[in-house]
Every structure is written in C-alpha cells, then in structure tokens.
PDB file of N, CA and C in Angstrom:
ATOM      1  N   MET A   1       0.848  -1.195   0.067  1.00  0.00           N
ATOM      2  CA  MET A   1      -0.064  -0.048   0.026  1.00  0.00           C
ATOM      3  C   MET A   1       0.932   1.264   0.023  1.00  0.00           C
ATOM      4  N   TYR A   2       0.508   2.296  -0.681  1.00  0.00           N
ATOM      5  CA  TYR A   2       1.160   3.458  -0.846  1.00  0.00           C
ATOM      6  C   TYR A   2       0.475   4.573  -0.268  1.00  0.00           C
ATOM      7  N   TRP A   3       1.126   5.420   0.477  1.00  0.00           N
ATOM      8  CA  TRP A   3       0.445   6.613   1.141  1.00  0.00           C
ATOM      9  C   TRP A   3       1.215   7.817   0.555  1.00  0.00           C
ATOM     10  N   LEU A   4       0.532   8.678  -0.123  1.00  0.00           N
ATOM     11  CA  LEU A   4       1.105   9.948  -0.553  1.00  0.00           C
ATOM     12  C   LEU A   4      -0.050  11.021  -0.863  1.00  0.00           C
ATOM     13  N   SER A   5       0.405  12.306  -0.953  1.00  0.00           N
ATOM     14  CA  SER A   5      -0.576  13.291  -1.141  1.00  0.00           C
ATOM     15  C   SER A   5      -0.600  13.737  -2.703  1.00  0.00           C
ATOM     16  N   GLY A   6      -1.571  14.426  -2.962  1.00  0.00           N
ATOM     17  CA  GLY A   6      -1.654  14.991  -4.366  1.00  0.00           C
ATOM     18  C   GLY A   6      -0.479  15.787  -4.926  1.00  0.00           C
ATOM     19  N   ALA A   7       0.261  16.316  -3.961  1.00  0.00           N
ATOM     20  CA  ALA A   7       1.460  17.144  -4.431  1.00  0.00           C
ATOM     21  C   ALA A   7       2.820  16.354  -4.688  1.00  0.00           C
ATOM     22  N   GLU A   8       2.674  14.945  -4.415  1.00  0.00           N
ATOM     23  CA  GLU A   8       3.838  14.204  -4.539  1.00  0.00           C
ATOM     24  C   GLU A   8       3.839  13.401  -5.755  1.00  0.00           C
ATOM     25  N   SER A   9       3.884  14.106  -6.945  1.00  0.00           N
ATOM     26  CA  SER A   9       3.859  13.416  -8.095  1.00  0.00           C
ATOM     27  C   SER A   9       4.957  12.496  -8.426  1.00  0.00           C
ATOM     28  N   GLU A  10       6.169  12.876  -8.042  1.00  0.00           N
ATOM     29  CA  GLU A  10       7.287  12.014  -8.198  1.00  0.00           C
ATOM     30  C   GLU A  10       7.138  10.705  -7.476  1.00  0.00           C
ATOM     31  N   LYS A  11       6.781  10.813  -6.338  1.00  0.00           N
ATOM     32  CA  LYS A  11       6.483   9.635  -5.460  1.00  0.00           C
ATOM     33  C   LYS A  11       5.361   8.715  -6.035  1.00  0.00           C
ATOM     34  N   PHE A  12       4.406   9.400  -6.701  1.00  0.00           N
ATOM     35  CA  PHE A  12       3.341   8.623  -7.236  1.00  0.00           C
ATOM     36  C   PHE A  12       3.889   7.769  -8.428  1.00  0.00           C
ATOM     37  N   VAL A  13       4.748   8.441  -9.311  1.00  0.00           N
ATOM     38  CA  VAL A  13       5.321   7.718 -10.455  1.00  0.00           C
ATOM     39  C   VAL A  13       6.106   6.554  -9.896  1.00  0.00           C
ATOM     40  N   LYS A  14       6.913   6.842  -8.945  1.00  0.00           N
ATOM     41  CA  LYS A  14       7.752   5.844  -8.324  1.00  0.00           C
ATOM     42  C   LYS A  14       6.918   4.635  -7.810  1.00  0.00           C
ATOM     43  N   SER A  15       5.891   4.833  -7.153  1.00  0.00           N
ATOM     44  CA  SER A  15       4.958   3.837  -6.581  1.00  0.00           C
ATOM     45  C   SER A  15       4.330   2.976  -7.753  1.00  0.00           C
ATOM     46  N   VAL A  16       3.986   3.702  -8.812  1.00  0.00           N
ATOM     47  CA  VAL A  16       3.259   2.974  -9.871  1.00  0.00           C
ATOM     48  C   VAL A  16       4.338   2.108 -10.568  1.00  0.00           C
ATOM     49  N   GLU A  17       5.632   2.630 -10.800  1.00  0.00           N
ATOM     50  CA  GLU A  17       6.621   1.693 -11.364  1.00  0.00           C
ATOM     51  C   GLU A  17       6.948   0.659 -10.371  1.00  0.00           C
ATOM     52  N   ASP A  18       6.979   0.740  -9.031  1.00  0.00           N
ATOM     53  CA  ASP A  18       7.224  -0.369  -8.171  1.00  0.00           C
ATOM     54  C   ASP A  18       6.076  -1.290  -8.317  1.00  0.00           C
ATOM     55  N   ALA A  19       4.911  -0.854  -8.199  1.00  0.00           N
ATOM     56  CA  ALA A  19       3.861  -1.952  -8.306  1.00  0.00           C
ATOM     57  C   ALA A  19       3.855  -2.673  -9.547  1.00  0.00           C
ATOM     58  N   TYR A  20       4.154  -2.023 -10.715  1.00  0.00           N
ATOM     59  CA  TYR A  20       4.193  -2.593 -12.032  1.00  0.00           C
ATOM     60  C   TYR A  20       5.247  -3.674 -12.050  1.00  0.00           C
ATOM     61  N   GLU A  21       6.465  -3.399 -11.475  1.00  0.00           N
ATOM     62  CA  GLU A  21       7.548  -4.405 -11.350  1.00  0.00           C
ATOM     63  C   GLU A  21       7.136  -5.561 -10.571  1.00  0.00           C
ATOM     64  N   LYS A  22       6.529  -5.309  -9.444  1.00  0.00           N
ATOM     65  CA  LYS A  22       6.025  -6.477  -8.560  1.00  0.00           C
ATOM     66  C   LYS A  22       5.182  -7.427  -9.367  1.00  0.00           C
ATOM     67  N   VAL A  23       4.294  -6.881 -10.115  1.00  0.00           N
ATOM     68  CA  VAL A  23       3.326  -7.696 -10.925  1.00  0.00           C
ATOM     69  C   VAL A  23       4.101  -8.387 -12.043  1.00  0.00           C
ATOM     70  N   GLU A  24       4.957  -7.741 -12.732  1.00  0.00           N
ATOM     71  CA  GLU A  24       5.724  -8.178 -13.663  1.00  0.00           C
ATOM     72  C   GLU A  24       6.496  -9.458 -13.285  1.00  0.00           C
ATOM     73  N   ARG A  25       7.155  -9.371 -12.098  1.00  0.00           N
ATOM     74  CA  ARG A  25       7.949 -10.399 -11.539  1.00  0.00           C
ATOM     75  C   ARG A  25       7.097 -11.659 -11.163  1.00  0.00           C
ATOM     76  N   GLU A  26       5.887 -11.503 -10.807  1.00  0.00           N
ATOM     77  CA  GLU A  26       5.009 -12.597 -10.453  1.00  0.00           C
ATOM     78  C   GLU A  26       4.673 -13.448 -11.591  1.00  0.00           C
ATOM     79  N   GLY A  27       4.547 -12.825 -12.876  1.00  0.00           N
ATOM     80  CA  GLY A  27       4.301 -13.479 -14.069  1.00  0.00           C
ATOM     81  C   GLY A  27       2.799 -13.678 -14.244  1.00  0.00           C
ATOM     82  N   PRO A  28       2.437 -14.676 -15.194  1.00  0.00           N
ATOM     83  CA  PRO A  28       1.184 -14.901 -15.384  1.00  0.00           C
ATOM     84  C   PRO A  28       0.495 -15.691 -14.355  1.00  0.00           C
ATOM     85  N   ASN A  29      -0.850 -15.548 -14.134  1.00  0.00           N
ATOM     86  CA  ASN A  29      -1.622 -16.278 -13.209  1.00  0.00           C
ATOM     87  C   ASN A  29      -1.443 -17.721 -13.490  1.00  0.00           C
ATOM     88  N   PRO A  30      -1.094 -18.661 -12.601  1.00  0.00           N
ATOM     89  CA  PRO A  30      -0.865 -19.988 -12.827  1.00  0.00           C
ATOM     90  C   PRO A  30      -2.314 -20.790 -12.953  1.00  0.00           C
ATOM     91  N   ILE A  31      -3.215 -20.217 -12.509  1.00  0.00           N
ATOM     92  CA  ILE A  31      -4.677 -20.676 -12.667  1.00  0.00           C
ATOM     93  C   ILE A  31      -5.203 -20.788 -13.977  1.00  0.00           C
ATOM     94  N   ARG A  32      -4.745 -19.626 -14.772  1.00  0.00           N
ATOM     95  CA  ARG A  32      -5.091 -19.666 -16.212  1.00  0.00           C
ATOM     96  C   ARG A  32      -4.642 -20.890 -16.896  1.00  0.00           C
ATOM     97  N   LYS A  33      -3.523 -21.402 -16.504  1.00  0.00           N
ATOM     98  CA  LYS A  33      -2.970 -22.592 -17.224  1.00  0.00           C
ATOM     99  C   LYS A  33      -3.782 -23.842 -17.121  1.00  0.00           C
ATOM    100  N   LEU A  34      -4.469 -23.796 -16.005  1.00  0.00           N
ATOM    101  CA  LEU A  34      -5.466 -24.925 -15.742  1.00  0.00           C
ATOM    102  C   LEU A  34      -6.687 -24.905 -16.539  1.00  0.00           C
ATOM    103  N   GLY A  35      -7.044 -23.631 -17.110  1.00  0.00           N
ATOM    104  CA  GLY A  35      -8.166 -23.583 -17.885  1.00  0.00           C
ATOM    105  C   GLY A  35      -9.484 -23.185 -16.949  1.00  0.00           C
ATOM    106  N   ILE A  36      -9.251 -22.754 -15.769  1.00  0.00           N
ATOM    107  CA  ILE A  36     -10.365 -22.519 -14.912  1.00  0.00           C
ATOM    108  C   ILE A  36     -10.822 -20.945 -15.147  1.00  0.00           C
ATOM    109  N   ASN A  37     -12.030 -20.807 -15.263  1.00  0.00           N
ATOM    110  CA  ASN A  37     -12.498 -19.423 -15.525  1.00  0.00           C
ATOM    111  C   ASN A  37     -13.276 -19.004 -13.997  1.00  0.00           C
ATOM    112  N   ILE A  38     -12.633 -18.104 -13.547  1.00  0.00           N
ATOM    113  CA  ILE A  38     -13.232 -17.771 -12.127  1.00  0.00           C
ATOM    114  C   ILE A  38     -14.703 -17.241 -12.195  1.00  0.00           C
ATOM    115  N   SER A  39     -14.997 -16.333 -13.250  1.00  0.00           N
ATOM    116  CA  SER A  39     -16.462 -15.848 -13.337  1.00  0.00           C
ATOM    117  C   SER A  39     -17.407 -17.069 -13.500  1.00  0.00           C
ATOM    118  N   GLU A  40     -17.025 -18.125 -14.332  1.00  0.00           N
ATOM    119  CA  GLU A  40     -17.942 -19.163 -14.527  1.00  0.00           C
ATOM    120  C   GLU A  40     -18.176 -19.926 -13.204  1.00  0.00           C
ATOM    121  N   LYS A  41     -17.132 -20.117 -12.466  1.00  0.00           N
ATOM    122  CA  LYS A  41     -17.337 -20.702 -11.044  1.00  0.00           C
ATOM    123  C   LYS A  41     -18.200 -19.899 -10.079  1.00  0.00           C
ATOM    124  N   LYS A  42     -18.056 -18.535 -10.102  1.00  0.00           N
ATOM    125  CA  LYS A  42     -18.881 -17.660  -9.304  1.00  0.00           C
ATOM    126  C   LYS A  42     -20.362 -17.828  -9.715  1.00  0.00           C
ATOM    127  N   GLU A  43     -20.640 -17.905 -11.039  1.00  0.00           N
ATOM    128  CA  GLU A  43     -22.024 -18.049 -11.550  1.00  0.00           C
ATOM    129  C   GLU A  43     -22.587 -19.352 -11.145  1.00  0.00           C
ATOM    130  N   GLU A  44     -21.713 -20.462 -11.199  1.00  0.00           N
ATOM    131  CA  GLU A  44     -22.287 -21.777 -10.797  1.00  0.00           C
ATOM    132  C   GLU A  44     -22.483 -21.793  -9.271  1.00  0.00           C
ATOM    133  N   SER A  45     -21.793 -21.246  -8.445  1.00  0.00           N
ATOM    134  CA  SER A  45     -21.971 -21.303  -7.007  1.00  0.00           C
ATOM    135  C   SER A  45     -23.182 -20.440  -6.620  1.00  0.00           C
ATOM    136  N   ILE A  46     -23.485 -19.288  -7.396  1.00  0.00           N
ATOM    137  CA  ILE A  46     -24.773 -18.631  -7.124  1.00  0.00           C
ATOM    138  C   ILE A  46     -25.948 -19.476  -7.396  1.00  0.00           C
ATOM    139  N   ILE A  47     -25.935 -20.210  -8.564  1.00  0.00           N
ATOM    140  CA  ILE A  47     -27.017 -20.971  -9.010  1.00  0.00           C
ATOM    141  C   ILE A  47     -27.213 -22.127  -7.732  1.00  0.00           C
ATOM    142  N   VAL A  48     -26.116 -22.693  -7.391  1.00  0.00           N
ATOM    143  CA  VAL A  48     -26.149 -23.811  -6.486  1.00  0.00           C
ATOM    144  C   VAL A  48     -26.694 -23.282  -5.120  1.00  0.00           C
ATOM    145  N   ASN A  49     -26.491 -22.125  -4.755  1.00  0.00           N
ATOM    146  CA  ASN A  49     -27.063 -21.533  -3.548  1.00  0.00           C
ATOM    147  C   ASN A  49     -28.424 -21.130  -3.379  1.00  0.00           C
ATOM    148  N   GLU A  50     -28.913 -20.939  -4.726  1.00  0.00           N
ATOM    149  CA  GLU A  50     -30.427 -20.556  -4.780  1.00  0.00           C
ATOM    150  C   GLU A  50     -31.289 -21.722  -4.588  1.00  0.00           C
TER     151      GLU A  50
END
C-alpha cells in the first residue's frame, strides 16, 4: 500500500513503477494454465446456493 498526497507526483510515479515491477515479476496467473474461469465458477456457486 502506498501513502502519498496529491502534491507528491514523483512519489506517485515511483510507486506505480514499483507496483508494475512487482506484478511483472510474479508472471502470469498459474490458474489460467489450468483452464479455470473464475467468473464461471462464481456463476455456478450462485446457482447452487439458490
């Protein structure tokens, strides 16, 4: 989490770059390789609960 004010534009840019680098290091979501669609699973659980 990043805390900054509206006047800290340089800090904002650095925090965005930092967050981007972290996401890039993680790589692709391994769940996608399994062929699981999360939105479909949510819809199924809603139907089952009704």
